[in-house]
């Protein structure tokens, strides 16, 4: 549980930094973004790249970037 929380926070932070969106989401928002992004990324891109706590990081970040691009506006 703690590992998935850390990975979700890491993935959400990376996606927010790369897309320049979701600046005011907070830690829990970025953690949930990472979890949702990991789910979407796994469905779309499979599991490849480095794996931490059972989560493939690159597809998870790509999935989180897609979620951010669709649902969050810049500066919100």
Protein backbone atom coordinates (compact mmCIF):
# COMPACT_ATOMS: atom_id res chain seq x y z
CA UNK A 1 0.00 0.00 0.00
CA UNK A 2 2.73 2.45 0.94
CA UNK A 3 4.68 1.55 -2.21
CA UNK A 4 1.71 2.24 -4.47
CA UNK A 5 1.13 5.56 -2.73
CA UNK A 6 4.75 6.57 -3.32
CA UNK A 7 4.66 5.47 -6.97
CA UNK A 8 1.35 7.28 -7.53
CA UNK A 9 2.80 10.47 -6.07
CA UNK A 10 5.95 10.12 -8.16
CA UNK A 11 4.02 9.48 -11.38
CA UNK A 12 1.58 12.33 -10.70
CA UNK A 13 4.43 14.72 -9.95
CA UNK A 14 6.31 13.74 -13.12
CA UNK A 15 3.20 14.10 -15.30
CA UNK A 16 2.36 17.48 -13.78
CA UNK A 17 5.91 18.70 -14.30
CA UNK A 18 6.14 17.50 -17.89
CA UNK A 19 2.77 18.92 -18.95
CA UNK A 20 2.92 22.10 -16.85
CA UNK A 21 -0.65 21.47 -15.61
CA UNK A 22 -2.27 20.60 -12.31
CA UNK A 23 -0.01 22.83 -10.23
CA UNK A 24 -2.54 23.25 -7.42
CA UNK A 25 -3.62 19.63 -7.09
CA UNK A 26 -1.74 18.89 -3.88
CA UNK A 27 -0.17 15.62 -2.79
CA UNK A 28 -3.35 13.55 -2.65
CA UNK A 29 -4.56 14.87 -6.01
CA UNK A 30 -1.27 13.96 -7.65
CA UNK A 31 -1.33 10.55 -6.00
CA UNK A 32 -4.81 9.83 -7.37
CA UNK A 33 -3.71 11.20 -10.75
CA UNK A 34 -0.80 8.76 -10.70
CA UNK A 35 -3.09 5.84 -9.86
CA UNK A 36 -5.60 6.70 -12.60
CA UNK A 37 -2.79 7.41 -15.05
CA UNK A 38 -1.13 4.08 -14.25
CA UNK A 39 -4.40 2.28 -14.94
CA UNK A 40 -4.97 4.12 -18.24
CA UNK A 41 -1.32 3.77 -19.26
CA UNK A 42 -1.35 0.05 -18.57
CA UNK A 43 -4.46 -0.39 -20.72
CA UNK A 44 -3.11 1.68 -23.61
CA UNK A 45 0.62 0.97 -23.57
CA UNK A 46 1.09 -2.28 -21.64
CA UNK A 47 3.94 -2.86 -19.21
CA UNK A 48 7.41 -1.90 -20.38
CA UNK A 49 10.22 0.17 -18.99
CA UNK A 50 11.33 0.37 -15.38
CA UNK A 51 8.97 -1.18 -12.84
CA UNK A 52 8.64 0.11 -9.26
CA UNK A 53 6.25 -1.58 -6.80
CA UNK A 54 4.57 -3.47 -9.66
CA UNK A 55 3.93 -0.34 -11.75
CA UNK A 56 5.60 0.32 -15.10
CA UNK A 57 6.68 3.94 -14.75
CA UNK A 58 6.81 5.11 -18.39
CA UNK A 59 3.30 3.93 -19.39
CA UNK A 60 1.97 5.29 -16.08
CA UNK A 61 3.45 8.74 -16.73
CA UNK A 62 2.11 8.72 -20.30
CA UNK A 63 -1.36 7.76 -19.04
CA UNK A 64 -1.24 10.51 -16.40
CA UNK A 65 -0.23 13.05 -19.03
CA UNK A 66 -3.25 12.02 -21.10
CA UNK A 67 -5.56 12.42 -18.09
CA UNK A 68 -4.08 15.85 -17.33
CA UNK A 69 -4.39 16.98 -20.95
CA UNK A 70 -8.05 16.01 -21.05
CA UNK A 71 -9.33 17.15 -17.65
CA UNK A 72 -7.19 19.99 -16.28
CA UNK A 73 -6.73 23.47 -17.66
CA UNK A 74 -3.43 25.31 -17.30
CA UNK A 75 -3.29 27.29 -14.07
CA UNK A 76 -6.31 25.62 -12.47
